[in-house]
Amino acid sequence: MTQQGTRLVIGVGNEDRGDDGVGPLVASRLKPQAGDRFEVLECRGDGAALMDAWKGADTVIILDAALSGAESGTIHRIDATTQAMPKNFLHYSTHAFSVAEAVELARALGELPRQVIVYGIEGEKFDAGDALSPAVEKAARDVEALVLSDLDAVSDFLAQAE
């Protein structure tokens, strides 16, 4: 369980399955920049564990691989606070209960954090032992900057609200 008021970045995926490891990769790259501004976690992809991890957090940014049919390296950004997760989005998972399903279940139960932003990076290679594809590696660097920008915007908003 996360401390109330926390800003949380969660990298979801399996580093041993090619592009599915992009979420934990971006999360690990963000850790040195976190300081006391936000907390960083990694999750293998189980939706129930994800819901447990964000309990008590105010702002959650989720990083995951996507498999929606778009071009490899495409960055999807969804404000899950205000819009439903698209069906079959982020549905590449080694678990039956995906990130999208976790978000929608939490919404239905009234347990969704105050702000949830989901970044999905479109992947192409998900087999065991695969390396990250070049397009996904490039997108990962872009997502790092986008997440930091989102976190700065949340910090500014919270400072103005106090």
N, C-alpha and C. Protein backbone atom coordinates (compact mmCIF):
# COMPACT_ATOMS: atom_id res chain seq x y z
N MET A 1 0.84 -1.19 0.00
CA MET A 1 0.00 0.00 0.00
C MET A 1 0.88 1.24 0.00
N THR A 2 0.51 2.21 -0.77
CA THR A 2 1.27 3.44 -0.95
C THR A 2 0.75 4.50 0.02
N GLN A 3 1.64 5.36 0.47
CA GLN A 3 1.27 6.43 1.37
C GLN A 3 0.33 7.41 0.68
N GLN A 4 -0.69 7.88 1.42
CA GLN A 4 -1.66 8.82 0.89
C GLN A 4 -0.96 10.05 0.32
N GLY A 5 -1.40 10.53 -0.84
CA GLY A 5 -0.86 11.72 -1.46
C GLY A 5 0.34 11.47 -2.37
N THR A 6 0.73 10.24 -2.50
CA THR A 6 1.92 9.89 -3.28
C THR A 6 1.68 10.00 -4.77
N ARG A 7 2.72 10.45 -5.47
CA ARG A 7 2.76 10.35 -6.92
C ARG A 7 3.59 9.12 -7.24
N LEU A 8 3.05 8.25 -8.05
CA LEU A 8 3.63 6.93 -8.27
C LEU A 8 3.79 6.66 -9.75
N VAL A 9 4.98 6.15 -10.12
CA VAL A 9 5.24 5.69 -11.48
C VAL A 9 5.42 4.18 -11.40
N ILE A 10 4.65 3.45 -12.20
CA ILE A 10 4.72 1.99 -12.18
C ILE A 10 5.08 1.48 -13.57
N GLY A 11 6.22 0.81 -13.67
CA GLY A 11 6.63 0.17 -14.91
C GLY A 11 6.14 -1.26 -14.91
N VAL A 12 5.32 -1.60 -15.89
CA VAL A 12 4.70 -2.92 -15.96
C VAL A 12 5.32 -3.71 -17.11
N GLY A 13 5.65 -4.98 -16.85
CA GLY A 13 6.13 -5.83 -17.92
C GLY A 13 7.16 -6.84 -17.47
N ASN A 14 7.65 -7.57 -18.43
CA ASN A 14 8.62 -8.64 -18.19
C ASN A 14 9.85 -8.37 -19.04
N GLU A 15 10.96 -8.04 -18.38
CA GLU A 15 12.19 -7.68 -19.08
C GLU A 15 12.76 -8.81 -19.92
N ASP A 16 12.32 -10.04 -19.68
CA ASP A 16 12.84 -11.19 -20.42
C ASP A 16 12.05 -11.49 -21.69
N ARG A 17 11.07 -10.64 -22.02
CA ARG A 17 10.21 -10.89 -23.18
C ARG A 17 10.22 -9.72 -24.16
N GLY A 18 11.41 -9.31 -24.56
CA GLY A 18 11.54 -8.29 -25.59
C GLY A 18 10.89 -6.97 -25.24
N ASP A 19 10.03 -6.49 -26.12
CA ASP A 19 9.41 -5.18 -25.94
C ASP A 19 8.48 -5.11 -24.72
N ASP A 20 8.08 -6.26 -24.19
CA ASP A 20 7.26 -6.26 -22.98
C ASP A 20 8.02 -5.67 -21.80
N GLY A 21 9.33 -5.59 -21.88
CA GLY A 21 10.15 -5.04 -20.80
C GLY A 21 10.29 -3.53 -20.81
N VAL A 22 9.62 -2.84 -21.72
CA VAL A 22 9.81 -1.40 -21.84
C VAL A 22 9.30 -0.65 -20.60
N GLY A 23 8.23 -1.09 -19.99
CA GLY A 23 7.71 -0.40 -18.79
C GLY A 23 8.72 -0.39 -17.65
N PRO A 24 9.23 -1.57 -17.25
CA PRO A 24 10.25 -1.58 -16.19
C PRO A 24 11.52 -0.83 -16.59
N LEU A 25 11.88 -0.87 -17.87
CA LEU A 25 13.07 -0.14 -18.32
C LEU A 25 12.93 1.36 -18.08
N VAL A 26 11.81 1.92 -18.52
CA VAL A 26 11.59 3.35 -18.34
C VAL A 26 11.52 3.69 -16.84
N ALA A 27 10.85 2.84 -16.07
CA ALA A 27 10.75 3.07 -14.63
C ALA A 27 12.14 3.11 -13.99
N SER A 28 12.99 2.17 -14.36
CA SER A 28 14.33 2.13 -13.77
C SER A 28 15.15 3.35 -14.16
N ARG A 29 14.95 3.86 -15.35
CA ARG A 29 15.65 5.07 -15.79
C ARG A 29 15.15 6.32 -15.06
N LEU A 30 13.91 6.29 -14.61
CA LEU A 30 13.34 7.43 -13.90
C LEU A 30 13.71 7.46 -12.42
N LYS A 31 14.07 6.29 -11.85
CA LYS A 31 14.36 6.22 -10.41
C LYS A 31 15.38 7.25 -9.94
N PRO A 32 16.52 7.44 -10.64
CA PRO A 32 17.50 8.41 -10.15
C PRO A 32 16.97 9.85 -10.13
N GLN A 33 15.92 10.13 -10.89
CA GLN A 33 15.36 11.47 -10.96
C GLN A 33 14.20 11.68 -10.00
N ALA A 34 13.79 10.63 -9.30
CA ALA A 34 12.60 10.69 -8.47
C ALA A 34 12.76 11.58 -7.25
N GLY A 35 13.86 11.42 -6.52
CA GLY A 35 14.02 12.18 -5.29
C GLY A 35 12.81 11.97 -4.40
N ASP A 36 12.28 13.04 -3.83
CA ASP A 36 11.07 12.93 -3.02
C ASP A 36 9.84 13.40 -3.79
N ARG A 37 10.00 13.60 -5.10
CA ARG A 37 8.89 14.07 -5.94
C ARG A 37 7.91 12.97 -6.29
N PHE A 38 8.41 11.74 -6.49
CA PHE A 38 7.54 10.63 -6.84
C PHE A 38 8.22 9.32 -6.48
N GLU A 39 7.42 8.29 -6.37
CA GLU A 39 7.89 6.94 -6.06
C GLU A 39 7.86 6.11 -7.33
N VAL A 40 8.80 5.17 -7.49
CA VAL A 40 8.87 4.34 -8.68
C VAL A 40 8.80 2.87 -8.27
N LEU A 41 7.91 2.14 -8.92
CA LEU A 41 7.76 0.70 -8.69
C LEU A 41 7.80 -0.04 -10.02
N GLU A 42 8.10 -1.33 -9.94
CA GLU A 42 8.00 -2.19 -11.11
C GLU A 42 7.05 -3.32 -10.77
N CYS A 43 6.28 -3.74 -11.76
CA CYS A 43 5.27 -4.78 -11.58
C CYS A 43 5.31 -5.69 -12.80
N ARG A 44 5.24 -6.99 -12.57
CA ARG A 44 5.33 -7.94 -13.68
C ARG A 44 4.09 -7.93 -14.57
N GLY A 45 3.01 -7.35 -14.16
CA GLY A 45 1.85 -7.25 -15.05
C GLY A 45 0.56 -7.79 -14.48
N ASP A 46 0.59 -8.37 -13.31
CA ASP A 46 -0.64 -8.89 -12.71
C ASP A 46 -1.52 -7.73 -12.28
N GLY A 47 -2.73 -7.67 -12.81
CA GLY A 47 -3.64 -6.56 -12.53
C GLY A 47 -3.99 -6.40 -11.07
N ALA A 48 -4.16 -7.50 -10.35
CA ALA A 48 -4.50 -7.42 -8.93
C ALA A 48 -3.34 -6.82 -8.14
N ALA A 49 -2.11 -7.20 -8.46
CA ALA A 49 -0.94 -6.62 -7.79
C ALA A 49 -0.82 -5.14 -8.12
N LEU A 50 -1.15 -4.76 -9.32
CA LEU A 50 -1.11 -3.37 -9.74
C LEU A 50 -2.11 -2.54 -8.92
N MET A 51 -3.32 -3.04 -8.77
CA MET A 51 -4.33 -2.33 -7.99
C MET A 51 -3.89 -2.19 -6.53
N ASP A 52 -3.26 -3.21 -6.00
CA ASP A 52 -2.77 -3.15 -4.62
C ASP A 52 -1.64 -2.12 -4.50
N ALA A 53 -0.78 -2.06 -5.50
CA ALA A 53 0.37 -1.15 -5.46
C ALA A 53 -0.05 0.31 -5.45
N TRP A 54 -1.14 0.66 -6.13
CA TRP A 54 -1.51 2.07 -6.22
C TRP A 54 -2.48 2.52 -5.14
N LYS A 55 -2.89 1.62 -4.24
CA LYS A 55 -3.81 2.00 -3.16
C LYS A 55 -3.20 3.15 -2.36
N GLY A 56 -3.97 4.20 -2.19
CA GLY A 56 -3.53 5.35 -1.41
C GLY A 56 -2.82 6.42 -2.22
N ALA A 57 -2.40 6.11 -3.43
CA ALA A 57 -1.70 7.10 -4.26
C ALA A 57 -2.71 8.09 -4.85
N ASP A 58 -2.29 9.34 -4.99
CA ASP A 58 -3.14 10.34 -5.63
C ASP A 58 -2.97 10.34 -7.15
N THR A 59 -1.72 10.24 -7.57
CA THR A 59 -1.40 10.29 -8.99
C THR A 59 -0.60 9.06 -9.36
N VAL A 60 -1.02 8.37 -10.41
CA VAL A 60 -0.33 7.17 -10.87
C VAL A 60 -0.07 7.30 -12.36
N ILE A 61 1.18 7.04 -12.74
CA ILE A 61 1.54 6.96 -14.15
C ILE A 61 2.00 5.54 -14.40
N ILE A 62 1.34 4.87 -15.33
CA ILE A 62 1.62 3.47 -15.65
C ILE A 62 2.33 3.42 -17.00
N LEU A 63 3.40 2.64 -17.06
CA LEU A 63 4.20 2.47 -18.28
C LEU A 63 4.12 1.02 -18.68
N ASP A 64 3.74 0.74 -19.92
CA ASP A 64 3.58 -0.64 -20.35
C ASP A 64 3.77 -0.74 -21.86
N ALA A 65 4.00 -1.95 -22.31
CA ALA A 65 4.02 -2.22 -23.74
C ALA A 65 2.58 -2.33 -24.24
N ALA A 66 2.37 -1.95 -25.48
CA ALA A 66 1.04 -2.05 -26.09
C ALA A 66 1.13 -2.92 -27.33
N LEU A 67 0.03 -3.50 -27.66
CA LEU A 67 -0.08 -4.31 -28.88
C LEU A 67 -1.46 -4.06 -29.47
N SER A 68 -1.60 -2.89 -30.11
CA SER A 68 -2.91 -2.48 -30.63
C SER A 68 -3.00 -2.54 -32.14
N GLY A 69 -1.86 -2.84 -32.80
CA GLY A 69 -1.84 -2.85 -34.24
C GLY A 69 -1.21 -1.61 -34.85
N ALA A 70 -0.86 -0.64 -34.01
CA ALA A 70 -0.19 0.57 -34.50
C ALA A 70 1.28 0.23 -34.83
N GLU A 71 1.96 1.17 -35.44
CA GLU A 71 3.36 0.98 -35.80
C GLU A 71 4.23 0.85 -34.55
N SER A 72 5.21 -0.02 -34.60
CA SER A 72 6.13 -0.22 -33.48
C SER A 72 6.76 1.11 -33.07
N GLY A 73 6.78 1.36 -31.76
CA GLY A 73 7.34 2.59 -31.23
C GLY A 73 6.31 3.70 -31.05
N THR A 74 5.09 3.49 -31.52
CA THR A 74 4.04 4.48 -31.32
C THR A 74 3.79 4.64 -29.82
N ILE A 75 3.69 5.88 -29.38
CA ILE A 75 3.41 6.17 -27.97
C ILE A 75 1.94 6.52 -27.83
N HIS A 76 1.28 5.77 -26.96
CA HIS A 76 -0.13 6.03 -26.64
C HIS A 76 -0.15 6.66 -25.25
N ARG A 77 -0.88 7.76 -25.07
CA ARG A 77 -1.05 8.36 -23.75
C ARG A 77 -2.54 8.47 -23.49
N ILE A 78 -2.96 7.85 -22.43
CA ILE A 78 -4.38 7.84 -22.07
C ILE A 78 -4.53 8.41 -20.68
N ASP A 79 -5.38 9.42 -20.54
CA ASP A 79 -5.74 9.91 -19.22
C ASP A 79 -6.91 9.05 -18.75
N ALA A 80 -6.58 7.99 -18.03
CA ALA A 80 -7.59 7.02 -17.61
C ALA A 80 -8.53 7.59 -16.54
N THR A 81 -8.23 8.77 -16.06
CA THR A 81 -9.11 9.43 -15.11
C THR A 81 -10.39 9.88 -15.80
N THR A 82 -10.24 10.31 -17.05
CA THR A 82 -11.37 10.90 -17.76
C THR A 82 -11.88 10.05 -18.93
N GLN A 83 -11.14 9.02 -19.30
CA GLN A 83 -11.60 8.20 -20.42
C GLN A 83 -11.37 6.72 -20.12
N ALA A 84 -12.24 5.91 -20.65
CA ALA A 84 -12.11 4.47 -20.47
C ALA A 84 -10.93 3.94 -21.28
N MET A 85 -10.35 2.88 -20.79
CA MET A 85 -9.26 2.25 -21.54
C MET A 85 -9.86 1.56 -22.76
N PRO A 86 -9.25 1.75 -23.93
CA PRO A 86 -9.76 1.09 -25.13
C PRO A 86 -9.71 -0.44 -24.99
N LYS A 87 -10.70 -1.09 -25.53
CA LYS A 87 -10.71 -2.56 -25.51
C LYS A 87 -9.50 -3.06 -26.28
N ASN A 88 -8.90 -4.12 -25.79
CA ASN A 88 -7.72 -4.76 -26.38
C ASN A 88 -6.47 -3.90 -26.33
N PHE A 89 -6.51 -2.76 -25.66
CA PHE A 89 -5.33 -1.93 -25.53
C PHE A 89 -4.50 -2.43 -24.36
N LEU A 90 -3.18 -2.48 -24.50
CA LEU A 90 -2.29 -3.00 -23.46
C LEU A 90 -2.68 -4.42 -23.10
N HIS A 91 -3.22 -5.14 -24.06
CA HIS A 91 -3.70 -6.47 -23.76
C HIS A 91 -2.64 -7.53 -23.93
N TYR A 92 -1.42 -7.12 -24.29
CA TYR A 92 -0.35 -8.11 -24.33
C TYR A 92 0.11 -8.32 -22.91
N SER A 93 -0.19 -9.46 -22.36
CA SER A 93 0.15 -9.74 -20.97
C SER A 93 0.33 -11.22 -20.80
N THR A 94 1.26 -11.59 -19.91
CA THR A 94 1.41 -13.00 -19.58
C THR A 94 0.40 -13.40 -18.52
N HIS A 95 -0.40 -12.44 -18.07
CA HIS A 95 -1.44 -12.70 -17.07
C HIS A 95 -2.80 -12.49 -17.73
N ALA A 96 -3.82 -13.11 -17.18
CA ALA A 96 -5.16 -12.98 -17.75
C ALA A 96 -5.80 -11.64 -17.39
N PHE A 97 -5.28 -10.95 -16.40
CA PHE A 97 -5.86 -9.72 -15.87
C PHE A 97 -4.91 -8.58 -16.20
N SER A 98 -5.17 -7.86 -17.28
CA SER A 98 -4.23 -6.86 -17.82
C SER A 98 -4.33 -5.51 -17.11
N VAL A 99 -3.44 -4.60 -17.49
CA VAL A 99 -3.45 -3.24 -16.97
C VAL A 99 -4.79 -2.57 -17.27
N ALA A 100 -5.23 -2.67 -18.50
CA ALA A 100 -6.51 -2.05 -18.89
C ALA A 100 -7.66 -2.59 -18.04
N GLU A 101 -7.67 -3.89 -17.82
CA GLU A 101 -8.73 -4.48 -17.01
C GLU A 101 -8.62 -4.04 -15.55
N ALA A 102 -7.41 -3.90 -15.04
CA ALA A 102 -7.21 -3.42 -13.66
C ALA A 102 -7.74 -2.00 -13.51
N VAL A 103 -7.44 -1.14 -14.48
CA VAL A 103 -7.91 0.25 -14.43
C VAL A 103 -9.44 0.28 -14.44
N GLU A 104 -10.04 -0.48 -15.32
CA GLU A 104 -11.50 -0.44 -15.43
C GLU A 104 -12.19 -1.08 -14.22
N LEU A 105 -11.60 -2.12 -13.66
CA LEU A 105 -12.17 -2.70 -12.44
C LEU A 105 -12.07 -1.71 -11.29
N ALA A 106 -10.93 -1.07 -11.14
CA ALA A 106 -10.76 -0.08 -10.07
C ALA A 106 -11.76 1.07 -10.25
N ARG A 107 -11.99 1.47 -11.49
CA ARG A 107 -12.98 2.53 -11.76
C ARG A 107 -14.37 2.07 -11.30
N ALA A 108 -14.74 0.85 -11.66
CA ALA A 108 -16.06 0.32 -11.31
C ALA A 108 -16.23 0.20 -9.79
N LEU A 109 -15.15 -0.10 -9.09
CA LEU A 109 -15.20 -0.26 -7.63
C LEU A 109 -15.03 1.06 -6.88
N GLY A 110 -14.79 2.15 -7.62
CA GLY A 110 -14.55 3.44 -6.99
C GLY A 110 -13.19 3.51 -6.31
N GLU A 111 -12.22 2.72 -6.80
CA GLU A 111 -10.90 2.66 -6.18
C GLU A 111 -9.79 3.17 -7.12
N LEU A 112 -10.15 3.88 -8.15
CA LEU A 112 -9.17 4.44 -9.06
C LEU A 112 -8.54 5.67 -8.40
N PRO A 113 -7.21 5.79 -8.43
CA PRO A 113 -6.59 7.00 -7.87
C PRO A 113 -7.14 8.26 -8.53
N ARG A 114 -6.93 9.39 -7.89
CA ARG A 114 -7.47 10.67 -8.36
C ARG A 114 -7.05 10.97 -9.79
N GLN A 115 -5.78 10.65 -10.13
CA GLN A 115 -5.31 10.86 -11.51
C GLN A 115 -4.52 9.63 -11.94
N VAL A 116 -4.88 9.08 -13.10
CA VAL A 116 -4.18 7.92 -13.67
C VAL A 116 -3.87 8.22 -15.13
N ILE A 117 -2.59 8.19 -15.45
CA ILE A 117 -2.14 8.38 -16.83
C ILE A 117 -1.45 7.09 -17.24
N VAL A 118 -1.81 6.57 -18.40
CA VAL A 118 -1.23 5.33 -18.90
C VAL A 118 -0.46 5.62 -20.18
N TYR A 119 0.80 5.23 -20.18
CA TYR A 119 1.61 5.29 -21.40
C TYR A 119 1.79 3.88 -21.91
N GLY A 120 1.40 3.65 -23.15
CA GLY A 120 1.64 2.38 -23.80
C GLY A 120 2.57 2.61 -24.98
N ILE A 121 3.63 1.84 -25.03
CA ILE A 121 4.56 1.93 -26.17
C ILE A 121 4.33 0.70 -27.04
N GLU A 122 3.94 0.95 -28.27
CA GLU A 122 3.62 -0.13 -29.20
C GLU A 122 4.86 -0.98 -29.46
N GLY A 123 4.74 -2.28 -29.17
CA GLY A 123 5.85 -3.20 -29.36
C GLY A 123 5.67 -4.07 -30.58
N GLU A 124 6.72 -4.85 -30.87
CA GLU A 124 6.64 -5.78 -32.00
C GLU A 124 7.22 -7.15 -31.66
N LYS A 125 8.14 -7.21 -30.70
CA LYS A 125 8.80 -8.49 -30.37
C LYS A 125 8.56 -8.82 -28.90
N PHE A 126 7.90 -9.96 -28.64
CA PHE A 126 7.51 -10.32 -27.28
C PHE A 126 7.94 -11.72 -26.88
N ASP A 127 8.80 -12.36 -27.68
CA ASP A 127 9.23 -13.72 -27.36
C ASP A 127 10.29 -13.71 -26.27
N ALA A 128 10.33 -14.79 -25.51
CA ALA A 128 11.34 -14.94 -24.47
C ALA A 128 12.73 -14.80 -25.07
N GLY A 129 13.56 -13.97 -24.43
CA GLY A 129 14.92 -13.78 -24.88
C GLY A 129 15.12 -12.69 -25.91
N ASP A 130 14.03 -12.15 -26.46
CA ASP A 130 14.15 -11.05 -27.43
C ASP A 130 14.70 -9.80 -26.74
N ALA A 131 15.44 -9.00 -27.49
CA ALA A 131 15.87 -7.68 -27.01
C ALA A 131 14.80 -6.67 -27.39
N LEU A 132 14.88 -5.50 -26.80
CA LEU A 132 13.97 -4.42 -27.19
C LEU A 132 14.22 -4.06 -28.64
N SER A 133 13.16 -3.84 -29.39
CA SER A 133 13.31 -3.41 -30.78
C SER A 133 13.77 -1.95 -30.80
N PRO A 134 14.50 -1.54 -31.85
CA PRO A 134 15.02 -0.17 -31.92
C PRO A 134 13.94 0.91 -31.79
N ALA A 135 12.79 0.71 -32.40
CA ALA A 135 11.72 1.71 -32.33
C ALA A 135 11.20 1.86 -30.91
N VAL A 136 11.13 0.75 -30.18
CA VAL A 136 10.65 0.79 -28.80
C VAL A 136 11.70 1.45 -27.90
N GLU A 137 12.96 1.18 -28.15
CA GLU A 137 14.04 1.82 -27.38
C GLU A 137 14.00 3.33 -27.55
N LYS A 138 13.80 3.81 -28.77
CA LYS A 138 13.70 5.25 -29.02
C LYS A 138 12.48 5.83 -28.31
N ALA A 139 11.35 5.16 -28.43
CA ALA A 139 10.12 5.64 -27.78
C ALA A 139 10.28 5.67 -26.26
N ALA A 140 11.02 4.73 -25.71
CA ALA A 140 11.24 4.69 -24.26
C ALA A 140 11.90 5.98 -23.79
N ARG A 141 12.89 6.46 -24.55
CA ARG A 141 13.56 7.72 -24.19
C ARG A 141 12.57 8.90 -24.27
N ASP A 142 11.72 8.89 -25.27
CA ASP A 142 10.72 9.96 -25.40
C ASP A 142 9.73 9.93 -24.24
N VAL A 143 9.31 8.73 -23.84
CA VAL A 143 8.34 8.59 -22.75
C VAL A 143 8.94 9.08 -21.43
N GLU A 144 10.22 8.85 -21.21
CA GLU A 144 10.88 9.36 -19.99
C GLU A 144 10.63 10.86 -19.86
N ALA A 145 10.87 11.60 -20.92
CA ALA A 145 10.69 13.05 -20.89
C ALA A 145 9.22 13.42 -20.68
N LEU A 146 8.31 12.69 -21.33
CA LEU A 146 6.89 12.97 -21.18
C LEU A 146 6.42 12.73 -19.75
N VAL A 147 6.90 11.66 -19.13
CA VAL A 147 6.51 11.36 -17.75
C VAL A 147 7.01 12.46 -16.81
N LEU A 148 8.25 12.88 -16.97
CA LEU A 148 8.78 13.95 -16.13
C LEU A 148 7.97 15.24 -16.30
N SER A 149 7.56 15.53 -17.52
CA SER A 149 6.73 16.70 -17.77
C SER A 149 5.37 16.56 -17.08
N ASP A 150 4.77 15.38 -17.16
CA ASP A 150 3.49 15.14 -16.47
C ASP A 150 3.64 15.31 -14.97
N LEU A 151 4.72 14.79 -14.41
CA LEU A 151 4.94 14.89 -12.97
C LEU A 151 5.16 16.34 -12.54
N ASP A 152 5.86 17.11 -13.35
CA ASP A 152 6.04 18.53 -13.06
C ASP A 152 4.70 19.26 -13.08
N ALA A 153 3.87 18.93 -14.05
CA ALA A 153 2.54 19.56 -14.15
C ALA A 153 1.69 19.23 -12.92
N VAL A 154 1.75 17.98 -12.47
CA VAL A 154 0.99 17.57 -11.27
C VAL A 154 1.52 18.33 -10.05
N SER A 155 2.84 18.44 -9.93
CA SER A 155 3.44 19.16 -8.79
C SER A 155 3.00 20.61 -8.79
N ASP A 156 3.00 21.26 -9.95
CA ASP A 156 2.57 22.65 -10.05
C ASP A 156 1.11 22.80 -9.67
N PHE A 157 0.26 21.88 -10.14
CA PHE A 157 -1.16 21.91 -9.82
C PHE A 157 -1.39 21.76 -8.32
N LEU A 158 -0.70 20.81 -7.70
CA LEU A 158 -0.86 20.58 -6.27
C LEU A 158 -0.37 21.78 -5.46
N ALA A 159 0.70 22.41 -5.89
CA ALA A 159 1.23 23.57 -5.19
C ALA A 159 0.23 24.73 -5.25
N GLN A 160 -0.44 24.90 -6.40
CA GLN A 160 -1.43 25.97 -6.54
C GLN A 160 -2.68 25.69 -5.72
N ALA A 161 -3.00 24.41 -5.55
CA ALA A 161 -4.22 24.04 -4.82
C ALA A 161 -4.06 24.22 -3.30
N GLU A 162 -2.82 24.26 -2.84
CA GLU A 162 -2.60 24.39 -1.38
C GLU A 162 -2.78 25.80 -0.89
